[in-house]
Amino acid sequence: MAFAFFGVQRAEAQLTLARVARLPPPRDLPGAVVHATWRTAQDHRRLTSAVDVSTLLVSVLLFIAGSRVLFRPRGGGWLWRQALLGSVVVGAATVAVDHALRAGRIAALRALLTNPATRIPLPTGLHADEVGRMTFGISLGASWVTLALLCAALYYVSRERARAYLDA
């Protein structure tokens, strides 16, 4: 249920960001990261919106299915397994989209950080490309960890013993 809650929060934030027509100029590094993410979302609106809407829908389904398992109605495990399977598929799509858009996000962040009009100070010893690779690399790594945890949960609930307990 926690994965579902955070999935809904993330998807809703990304969809809200994608709907914004114009962002104010960034004044700090986190603002520049948001601006770079927004720029690539605007450039690939259909792709990012499709993944975010899918994440939103599957996360709501996962939350409902997790609630059903928590209250243990008879045969309630099948919906949870299906919701976990859908979450794994959407999680894999999210990882693929994040990986595909990583270079564009790094380029957009580099353009913002090297623009003399924005004048965003970087941490000492770091260049714009290093900041972009670290920032979006951590984000991609977090997506991989989430996908691995969802796969582990799906494997666990698909075992015969867990299925017998959840579907009893």
N, C-alpha and C. Protein backbone atom coordinates (compact mmCIF):
# COMPACT_ATOMS: atom_id res chain seq x y z
N MET A 1 0.83 -1.18 0.00
CA MET A 1 0.00 0.00 0.00
C MET A 1 0.88 1.26 0.00
N ALA A 2 2.06 1.16 0.61
CA ALA A 2 2.96 2.31 0.62
C ALA A 2 3.47 2.60 -0.78
N PHE A 3 3.81 1.54 -1.55
CA PHE A 3 4.23 1.75 -2.93
C PHE A 3 3.12 2.44 -3.72
N ALA A 4 1.90 2.02 -3.48
CA ALA A 4 0.77 2.60 -4.19
C ALA A 4 0.61 4.07 -3.82
N PHE A 5 0.71 4.37 -2.54
CA PHE A 5 0.56 5.76 -2.09
C PHE A 5 1.62 6.65 -2.72
N PHE A 6 2.88 6.22 -2.68
CA PHE A 6 3.94 7.04 -3.25
C PHE A 6 3.86 7.08 -4.77
N GLY A 7 3.38 6.01 -5.38
CA GLY A 7 3.18 6.01 -6.83
C GLY A 7 2.14 7.02 -7.26
N VAL A 8 1.05 7.10 -6.50
CA VAL A 8 0.01 8.09 -6.79
C VAL A 8 0.56 9.50 -6.62
N GLN A 9 1.30 9.73 -5.55
CA GLN A 9 1.87 11.05 -5.30
C GLN A 9 2.82 11.46 -6.43
N ARG A 10 3.71 10.56 -6.83
CA ARG A 10 4.67 10.87 -7.89
C ARG A 10 3.97 11.13 -9.22
N ALA A 11 3.04 10.25 -9.57
CA ALA A 11 2.34 10.40 -10.85
C ALA A 11 1.53 11.69 -10.88
N GLU A 12 0.88 12.00 -9.79
CA GLU A 12 0.10 13.23 -9.74
C GLU A 12 0.99 14.47 -9.86
N ALA A 13 2.15 14.44 -9.21
CA ALA A 13 3.08 15.57 -9.30
C ALA A 13 3.62 15.71 -10.72
N GLN A 14 3.95 14.60 -11.35
CA GLN A 14 4.48 14.65 -12.72
C GLN A 14 3.41 15.12 -13.71
N LEU A 15 2.17 14.67 -13.54
CA LEU A 15 1.10 15.11 -14.43
C LEU A 15 0.80 16.60 -14.24
N THR A 16 0.84 17.05 -13.01
CA THR A 16 0.63 18.48 -12.73
C THR A 16 1.75 19.30 -13.37
N LEU A 17 2.99 18.82 -13.24
CA LEU A 17 4.13 19.53 -13.83
C LEU A 17 4.02 19.56 -15.35
N ALA A 18 3.57 18.47 -15.95
CA ALA A 18 3.46 18.41 -17.42
C ALA A 18 2.38 19.35 -17.95
N ARG A 19 1.35 19.63 -17.13
CA ARG A 19 0.26 20.51 -17.58
C ARG A 19 0.62 21.99 -17.50
N VAL A 20 1.65 22.33 -16.76
CA VAL A 20 2.04 23.73 -16.62
C VAL A 20 2.56 24.23 -17.96
N ALA A 21 2.03 25.36 -18.40
CA ALA A 21 2.42 25.89 -19.71
C ALA A 21 3.79 26.57 -19.67
N ARG A 22 4.13 27.15 -18.56
CA ARG A 22 5.39 27.89 -18.47
C ARG A 22 5.84 27.91 -17.01
N LEU A 23 7.13 27.70 -16.80
CA LEU A 23 7.71 27.75 -15.46
C LEU A 23 8.52 29.03 -15.29
N PRO A 24 8.55 29.56 -14.08
CA PRO A 24 9.42 30.72 -13.86
C PRO A 24 10.88 30.27 -13.96
N PRO A 25 11.78 31.19 -14.24
CA PRO A 25 13.20 30.81 -14.32
C PRO A 25 13.67 30.22 -12.98
N PRO A 26 14.48 29.19 -13.04
CA PRO A 26 14.95 28.57 -11.80
C PRO A 26 15.93 29.49 -11.06
N ARG A 27 15.89 29.43 -9.75
CA ARG A 27 16.77 30.26 -8.93
C ARG A 27 17.79 29.44 -8.14
N ASP A 28 17.58 28.12 -8.09
CA ASP A 28 18.50 27.24 -7.37
C ASP A 28 18.60 25.91 -8.11
N LEU A 29 19.47 25.04 -7.60
CA LEU A 29 19.71 23.76 -8.28
C LEU A 29 18.47 22.86 -8.30
N PRO A 30 17.73 22.69 -7.19
CA PRO A 30 16.50 21.87 -7.28
C PRO A 30 15.49 22.44 -8.27
N GLY A 31 15.38 23.75 -8.35
CA GLY A 31 14.49 24.36 -9.33
C GLY A 31 14.94 24.10 -10.75
N ALA A 32 16.26 24.07 -10.96
CA ALA A 32 16.80 23.78 -12.29
C ALA A 32 16.52 22.33 -12.69
N VAL A 33 16.58 21.42 -11.71
CA VAL A 33 16.28 20.02 -11.99
C VAL A 33 14.81 19.87 -12.38
N VAL A 34 13.93 20.54 -11.65
CA VAL A 34 12.50 20.50 -11.98
C VAL A 34 12.27 21.10 -13.37
N HIS A 35 12.96 22.18 -13.67
CA HIS A 35 12.81 22.83 -14.98
C HIS A 35 13.30 21.92 -16.10
N ALA A 36 14.41 21.21 -15.89
CA ALA A 36 14.92 20.28 -16.90
C ALA A 36 13.95 19.11 -17.10
N THR A 37 13.38 18.63 -16.02
CA THR A 37 12.40 17.55 -16.11
C THR A 37 11.16 18.04 -16.86
N TRP A 38 10.73 19.24 -16.56
CA TRP A 38 9.58 19.83 -17.24
C TRP A 38 9.85 20.00 -18.73
N ARG A 39 11.04 20.45 -19.07
CA ARG A 39 11.39 20.67 -20.49
C ARG A 39 11.31 19.36 -21.27
N THR A 40 11.86 18.28 -20.72
CA THR A 40 11.80 17.01 -21.44
C THR A 40 10.38 16.45 -21.45
N ALA A 41 9.60 16.73 -20.41
CA ALA A 41 8.20 16.30 -20.41
C ALA A 41 7.42 17.05 -21.49
N GLN A 42 7.75 18.31 -21.72
CA GLN A 42 7.09 19.07 -22.78
C GLN A 42 7.50 18.57 -24.16
N ASP A 43 8.76 18.17 -24.29
CA ASP A 43 9.25 17.67 -25.57
C ASP A 43 8.68 16.28 -25.90
N HIS A 44 8.37 15.50 -24.88
CA HIS A 44 7.86 14.13 -25.07
C HIS A 44 6.57 13.97 -24.27
N ARG A 45 5.65 14.86 -24.50
CA ARG A 45 4.42 14.95 -23.70
C ARG A 45 3.61 13.66 -23.71
N ARG A 46 3.39 13.06 -24.86
CA ARG A 46 2.56 11.85 -24.93
C ARG A 46 3.19 10.68 -24.19
N LEU A 47 4.48 10.52 -24.35
CA LEU A 47 5.18 9.41 -23.71
C LEU A 47 5.17 9.55 -22.19
N THR A 48 5.54 10.71 -21.70
CA THR A 48 5.58 10.90 -20.24
C THR A 48 4.18 10.88 -19.64
N SER A 49 3.22 11.45 -20.32
CA SER A 49 1.85 11.43 -19.81
C SER A 49 1.29 10.02 -19.77
N ALA A 50 1.58 9.23 -20.79
CA ALA A 50 1.10 7.84 -20.81
C ALA A 50 1.67 7.05 -19.64
N VAL A 51 2.95 7.21 -19.37
CA VAL A 51 3.56 6.48 -18.26
C VAL A 51 3.01 6.98 -16.93
N ASP A 52 2.83 8.29 -16.80
CA ASP A 52 2.33 8.83 -15.53
C ASP A 52 0.86 8.46 -15.28
N VAL A 53 0.05 8.48 -16.31
CA VAL A 53 -1.36 8.07 -16.14
C VAL A 53 -1.41 6.57 -15.81
N SER A 54 -0.59 5.78 -16.47
CA SER A 54 -0.53 4.35 -16.16
C SER A 54 -0.10 4.11 -14.72
N THR A 55 0.89 4.84 -14.28
CA THR A 55 1.35 4.73 -12.90
C THR A 55 0.24 5.11 -11.93
N LEU A 56 -0.48 6.17 -12.25
CA LEU A 56 -1.57 6.61 -11.39
C LEU A 56 -2.66 5.54 -11.29
N LEU A 57 -3.08 5.00 -12.41
CA LEU A 57 -4.15 4.00 -12.42
C LEU A 57 -3.73 2.70 -11.71
N VAL A 58 -2.54 2.23 -12.01
CA VAL A 58 -2.09 0.98 -11.41
C VAL A 58 -1.82 1.17 -9.92
N SER A 59 -1.37 2.34 -9.52
CA SER A 59 -1.14 2.60 -8.09
C SER A 59 -2.45 2.64 -7.32
N VAL A 60 -3.48 3.22 -7.90
CA VAL A 60 -4.79 3.21 -7.25
C VAL A 60 -5.30 1.77 -7.13
N LEU A 61 -5.15 0.99 -8.19
CA LEU A 61 -5.55 -0.41 -8.15
C LEU A 61 -4.76 -1.18 -7.09
N LEU A 62 -3.46 -0.91 -7.01
CA LEU A 62 -2.62 -1.59 -6.01
C LEU A 62 -3.04 -1.21 -4.60
N PHE A 63 -3.42 0.03 -4.39
CA PHE A 63 -3.88 0.45 -3.06
C PHE A 63 -5.19 -0.26 -2.69
N ILE A 64 -6.11 -0.31 -3.63
CA ILE A 64 -7.39 -0.99 -3.37
C ILE A 64 -7.15 -2.48 -3.13
N ALA A 65 -6.30 -3.09 -3.94
CA ALA A 65 -6.02 -4.51 -3.78
C ALA A 65 -5.31 -4.78 -2.46
N GLY A 66 -4.39 -3.90 -2.07
CA GLY A 66 -3.72 -4.06 -0.78
C GLY A 66 -4.69 -3.93 0.38
N SER A 67 -5.66 -3.06 0.26
CA SER A 67 -6.69 -2.92 1.29
C SER A 67 -7.52 -4.19 1.40
N ARG A 68 -7.83 -4.77 0.26
CA ARG A 68 -8.62 -6.02 0.26
C ARG A 68 -7.84 -7.13 0.95
N VAL A 69 -6.54 -7.22 0.69
CA VAL A 69 -5.74 -8.26 1.32
C VAL A 69 -5.63 -8.00 2.82
N LEU A 70 -5.54 -6.74 3.19
CA LEU A 70 -5.45 -6.38 4.61
C LEU A 70 -6.68 -6.84 5.38
N PHE A 71 -7.86 -6.69 4.78
CA PHE A 71 -9.10 -7.09 5.45
C PHE A 71 -9.49 -8.53 5.17
N ARG A 72 -8.72 -9.22 4.33
CA ARG A 72 -8.82 -10.64 4.04
C ARG A 72 -10.20 -11.15 3.64
N PRO A 73 -10.81 -10.60 2.61
CA PRO A 73 -12.03 -11.24 2.12
C PRO A 73 -11.64 -12.52 1.38
N ARG A 74 -12.59 -13.40 1.26
CA ARG A 74 -12.31 -14.68 0.59
C ARG A 74 -11.92 -14.43 -0.87
N GLY A 75 -10.80 -15.01 -1.28
CA GLY A 75 -10.33 -14.89 -2.65
C GLY A 75 -9.79 -13.51 -3.00
N GLY A 76 -9.34 -12.76 -2.01
CA GLY A 76 -8.88 -11.39 -2.25
C GLY A 76 -7.48 -11.28 -2.81
N GLY A 77 -6.74 -12.38 -2.82
CA GLY A 77 -5.35 -12.31 -3.27
C GLY A 77 -5.17 -12.16 -4.76
N TRP A 78 -6.15 -12.60 -5.55
CA TRP A 78 -5.98 -12.55 -7.01
C TRP A 78 -5.86 -11.12 -7.51
N LEU A 79 -6.63 -10.20 -6.93
CA LEU A 79 -6.57 -8.80 -7.36
C LEU A 79 -5.22 -8.19 -7.00
N TRP A 80 -4.68 -8.57 -5.85
CA TRP A 80 -3.39 -8.05 -5.43
C TRP A 80 -2.29 -8.55 -6.35
N ARG A 81 -2.35 -9.82 -6.73
CA ARG A 81 -1.34 -10.34 -7.66
C ARG A 81 -1.43 -9.64 -9.01
N GLN A 82 -2.64 -9.41 -9.48
CA GLN A 82 -2.81 -8.71 -10.76
C GLN A 82 -2.32 -7.26 -10.67
N ALA A 83 -2.60 -6.61 -9.55
CA ALA A 83 -2.15 -5.24 -9.35
C ALA A 83 -0.63 -5.17 -9.26
N LEU A 84 -0.03 -6.16 -8.59
CA LEU A 84 1.44 -6.20 -8.53
C LEU A 84 2.04 -6.46 -9.91
N LEU A 85 1.42 -7.33 -10.67
CA LEU A 85 1.90 -7.59 -12.03
C LEU A 85 1.80 -6.33 -12.88
N GLY A 86 0.68 -5.62 -12.78
CA GLY A 86 0.54 -4.36 -13.51
C GLY A 86 1.56 -3.33 -13.05
N SER A 87 1.85 -3.31 -11.76
CA SER A 87 2.84 -2.37 -11.24
C SER A 87 4.24 -2.70 -11.75
N VAL A 88 4.54 -3.99 -11.88
CA VAL A 88 5.83 -4.39 -12.42
C VAL A 88 5.95 -3.96 -13.88
N VAL A 89 4.90 -4.17 -14.65
CA VAL A 89 4.93 -3.78 -16.07
C VAL A 89 5.07 -2.26 -16.21
N VAL A 90 4.29 -1.52 -15.44
CA VAL A 90 4.38 -0.05 -15.52
C VAL A 90 5.71 0.43 -14.95
N GLY A 91 6.22 -0.25 -13.92
CA GLY A 91 7.54 0.11 -13.39
C GLY A 91 8.64 -0.10 -14.42
N ALA A 92 8.55 -1.18 -15.18
CA ALA A 92 9.53 -1.42 -16.25
C ALA A 92 9.41 -0.35 -17.33
N ALA A 93 8.19 0.06 -17.64
CA ALA A 93 8.00 1.14 -18.62
C ALA A 93 8.57 2.46 -18.09
N THR A 94 8.40 2.70 -16.80
CA THR A 94 8.94 3.92 -16.20
C THR A 94 10.46 3.93 -16.26
N VAL A 95 11.08 2.79 -15.96
CA VAL A 95 12.54 2.69 -16.04
C VAL A 95 12.99 2.93 -17.48
N ALA A 96 12.30 2.35 -18.44
CA ALA A 96 12.67 2.53 -19.85
C ALA A 96 12.54 4.00 -20.28
N VAL A 97 11.46 4.66 -19.87
CA VAL A 97 11.26 6.06 -20.25
C VAL A 97 12.28 6.95 -19.55
N ASP A 98 12.52 6.70 -18.26
CA ASP A 98 13.53 7.49 -17.54
C ASP A 98 14.91 7.33 -18.18
N HIS A 99 15.23 6.10 -18.59
CA HIS A 99 16.51 5.86 -19.24
C HIS A 99 16.58 6.56 -20.60
N ALA A 100 15.49 6.50 -21.35
CA ALA A 100 15.48 7.12 -22.68
C ALA A 100 15.55 8.65 -22.59
N LEU A 101 14.95 9.23 -21.57
CA LEU A 101 14.92 10.69 -21.45
C LEU A 101 16.08 11.25 -20.63
N ARG A 102 16.92 10.39 -20.10
CA ARG A 102 18.01 10.85 -19.24
C ARG A 102 18.95 11.80 -19.97
N ALA A 103 19.33 11.47 -21.18
CA ALA A 103 20.25 12.34 -21.93
C ALA A 103 19.63 13.70 -22.21
N GLY A 104 18.36 13.73 -22.54
CA GLY A 104 17.67 15.00 -22.78
C GLY A 104 17.56 15.83 -21.52
N ARG A 105 17.33 15.17 -20.40
CA ARG A 105 17.24 15.90 -19.13
C ARG A 105 18.60 16.47 -18.73
N ILE A 106 19.66 15.69 -18.95
CA ILE A 106 21.00 16.19 -18.66
C ILE A 106 21.33 17.38 -19.55
N ALA A 107 20.97 17.30 -20.83
CA ALA A 107 21.24 18.42 -21.75
C ALA A 107 20.44 19.66 -21.36
N ALA A 108 19.20 19.48 -20.95
CA ALA A 108 18.38 20.62 -20.52
C ALA A 108 18.93 21.23 -19.25
N LEU A 109 19.40 20.39 -18.32
CA LEU A 109 19.99 20.91 -17.09
C LEU A 109 21.30 21.63 -17.38
N ARG A 110 22.11 21.09 -18.28
CA ARG A 110 23.35 21.74 -18.67
C ARG A 110 23.07 23.11 -19.29
N ALA A 111 22.06 23.18 -20.14
CA ALA A 111 21.72 24.46 -20.77
C ALA A 111 21.29 25.49 -19.72
N LEU A 112 20.55 25.05 -18.72
CA LEU A 112 20.13 25.97 -17.66
C LEU A 112 21.30 26.42 -16.78
N LEU A 113 22.17 25.47 -16.44
CA LEU A 113 23.26 25.79 -15.53
C LEU A 113 24.36 26.61 -16.18
N THR A 114 24.51 26.48 -17.49
CA THR A 114 25.55 27.24 -18.18
C THR A 114 25.03 28.56 -18.74
N ASN A 115 23.74 28.79 -18.63
CA ASN A 115 23.15 30.04 -19.10
C ASN A 115 23.53 31.16 -18.14
N PRO A 116 24.16 32.22 -18.63
CA PRO A 116 24.55 33.30 -17.72
C PRO A 116 23.36 34.03 -17.10
N ALA A 117 22.19 33.95 -17.70
CA ALA A 117 21.02 34.65 -17.18
C ALA A 117 20.51 34.00 -15.88
N THR A 118 20.68 32.70 -15.73
CA THR A 118 20.16 32.04 -14.54
C THR A 118 21.11 32.13 -13.36
N ARG A 119 22.40 32.02 -13.59
CA ARG A 119 23.44 32.15 -12.56
C ARG A 119 23.16 31.29 -11.33
N ILE A 120 23.06 30.01 -11.55
CA ILE A 120 22.84 29.07 -10.45
C ILE A 120 24.20 28.54 -10.01
N PRO A 121 24.57 28.77 -8.76
CA PRO A 121 25.87 28.28 -8.30
C PRO A 121 25.84 26.76 -8.12
N LEU A 122 26.91 26.12 -8.53
CA LEU A 122 27.04 24.67 -8.39
C LEU A 122 27.90 24.36 -7.17
N PRO A 123 27.72 23.17 -6.60
CA PRO A 123 28.62 22.77 -5.51
C PRO A 123 30.07 22.79 -5.99
N THR A 124 30.96 23.08 -5.10
CA THR A 124 32.37 23.22 -5.44
C THR A 124 32.92 21.96 -6.08
N GLY A 125 33.61 22.14 -7.21
CA GLY A 125 34.26 21.04 -7.90
C GLY A 125 33.38 20.25 -8.84
N LEU A 126 32.10 20.61 -8.97
CA LEU A 126 31.21 19.89 -9.86
C LEU A 126 30.91 20.71 -11.11
N HIS A 127 30.79 20.00 -12.21
CA HIS A 127 30.40 20.62 -13.48
C HIS A 127 28.94 20.29 -13.76
N ALA A 128 28.37 21.00 -14.70
CA ALA A 128 26.95 20.83 -15.02
C ALA A 128 26.63 19.40 -15.44
N ASP A 129 27.50 18.80 -16.25
CA ASP A 129 27.25 17.42 -16.69
C ASP A 129 27.31 16.43 -15.54
N GLU A 130 28.25 16.64 -14.61
CA GLU A 130 28.35 15.75 -13.45
C GLU A 130 27.11 15.84 -12.57
N VAL A 131 26.62 17.05 -12.37
CA VAL A 131 25.41 17.25 -11.57
C VAL A 131 24.23 16.56 -12.23
N GLY A 132 24.09 16.70 -13.54
CA GLY A 132 23.01 16.06 -14.27
C GLY A 132 23.09 14.55 -14.23
N ARG A 133 24.30 14.00 -14.44
CA ARG A 133 24.46 12.55 -14.40
C ARG A 133 24.14 12.00 -13.02
N MET A 134 24.60 12.69 -11.98
CA MET A 134 24.33 12.22 -10.61
C MET A 134 22.84 12.33 -10.29
N THR A 135 22.24 13.47 -10.58
CA THR A 135 20.85 13.70 -10.23
C THR A 135 19.93 12.71 -10.93
N PHE A 136 20.05 12.62 -12.23
CA PHE A 136 19.15 11.75 -12.97
C PHE A 136 19.57 10.28 -12.88
N GLY A 137 20.83 10.03 -12.54
CA GLY A 137 21.28 8.66 -12.27
C GLY A 137 20.69 8.13 -10.98
N ILE A 138 20.62 8.98 -9.96
CA ILE A 138 20.01 8.58 -8.69
C ILE A 138 18.52 8.30 -8.90
N SER A 139 17.87 9.14 -9.68
CA SER A 139 16.46 8.95 -9.97
C SER A 139 16.23 7.62 -10.71
N LEU A 140 17.07 7.34 -11.68
CA LEU A 140 16.96 6.09 -12.42
C LEU A 140 17.26 4.89 -11.51
N GLY A 141 18.23 5.03 -10.64
CA GLY A 141 18.55 3.97 -9.68
C GLY A 141 17.39 3.70 -8.74
N ALA A 142 16.73 4.75 -8.29
CA ALA A 142 15.56 4.58 -7.42
C ALA A 142 14.44 3.86 -8.15
N SER A 143 14.28 4.14 -9.44
CA SER A 143 13.27 3.43 -10.23
C SER A 143 13.61 1.96 -10.35
N TRP A 144 14.88 1.64 -10.52
CA TRP A 144 15.31 0.24 -10.59
C TRP A 144 15.07 -0.48 -9.26
N VAL A 145 15.37 0.20 -8.15
CA VAL A 145 15.15 -0.41 -6.82
C VAL A 145 13.66 -0.68 -6.61
N THR A 146 12.83 0.29 -6.98
CA THR A 146 11.38 0.11 -6.85
C THR A 146 10.91 -1.07 -7.69
N LEU A 147 11.40 -1.16 -8.91
CA LEU A 147 11.03 -2.28 -9.78
C LEU A 147 11.47 -3.61 -9.17
N ALA A 148 12.67 -3.65 -8.61
CA ALA A 148 13.16 -4.89 -7.99
C ALA A 148 12.30 -5.28 -6.79
N LEU A 149 11.91 -4.31 -5.98
CA LEU A 149 11.06 -4.61 -4.83
C LEU A 149 9.67 -5.10 -5.25
N LEU A 150 9.13 -4.50 -6.30
CA LEU A 150 7.84 -4.95 -6.81
C LEU A 150 7.93 -6.37 -7.37
N CYS A 151 9.03 -6.66 -8.06
CA CYS A 151 9.23 -8.03 -8.58
C CYS A 151 9.35 -9.03 -7.43
N ALA A 152 10.06 -8.65 -6.37
CA ALA A 152 10.20 -9.54 -5.22
C ALA A 152 8.84 -9.77 -4.56
N ALA A 153 8.04 -8.72 -4.43
CA ALA A 153 6.71 -8.89 -3.83
C ALA A 153 5.83 -9.77 -4.71
N LEU A 154 5.90 -9.58 -6.03
CA LEU A 154 5.12 -10.41 -6.94
C LEU A 154 5.55 -11.87 -6.85
N TYR A 155 6.84 -12.11 -6.79
CA TYR A 155 7.34 -13.49 -6.64
C TYR A 155 6.83 -14.09 -5.33
N TYR A 156 6.88 -13.33 -4.26
CA TYR A 156 6.45 -13.83 -2.95
C TYR A 156 4.97 -14.21 -2.94
N VAL A 157 4.13 -13.33 -3.46
CA VAL A 157 2.68 -13.61 -3.41
C VAL A 157 2.26 -14.63 -4.46
N SER A 158 3.14 -14.96 -5.41
CA SER A 158 2.81 -15.95 -6.43
C SER A 158 3.17 -17.37 -5.98
N ARG A 159 3.89 -17.49 -4.88
CA ARG A 159 4.23 -18.82 -4.38
C ARG A 159 2.96 -19.54 -3.92
N GLU A 160 2.98 -20.85 -4.01
CA GLU A 160 1.79 -21.65 -3.71
C GLU A 160 1.30 -21.44 -2.28
N ARG A 161 2.22 -21.40 -1.35
CA ARG A 161 1.83 -21.23 0.06
C ARG A 161 1.19 -19.87 0.31
N ALA A 162 1.77 -18.82 -0.26
CA ALA A 162 1.20 -17.47 -0.10
C ALA A 162 -0.16 -17.38 -0.81
N ARG A 163 -0.26 -17.99 -1.96
CA ARG A 163 -1.55 -17.98 -2.68
C ARG A 163 -2.63 -18.69 -1.89
N ALA A 164 -2.29 -19.81 -1.27
CA ALA A 164 -3.26 -20.55 -0.46
C ALA A 164 -3.71 -19.71 0.73
N TYR A 165 -2.80 -18.98 1.36
CA TYR A 165 -3.14 -18.16 2.51
C TYR A 165 -3.99 -16.96 2.10
N LEU A 166 -3.60 -16.30 1.01
CA LEU A 166 -4.32 -15.08 0.59
C LEU A 166 -5.69 -15.38 -0.03
N ASP A 167 -5.81 -16.52 -0.67
CA ASP A 167 -7.07 -16.84 -1.35
C ASP A 167 -8.02 -17.65 -0.48
N ALA A 168 -7.61 -18.02 0.73
CA ALA A 168 -8.46 -18.84 1.60
C ALA A 168 -9.66 -18.06 2.11
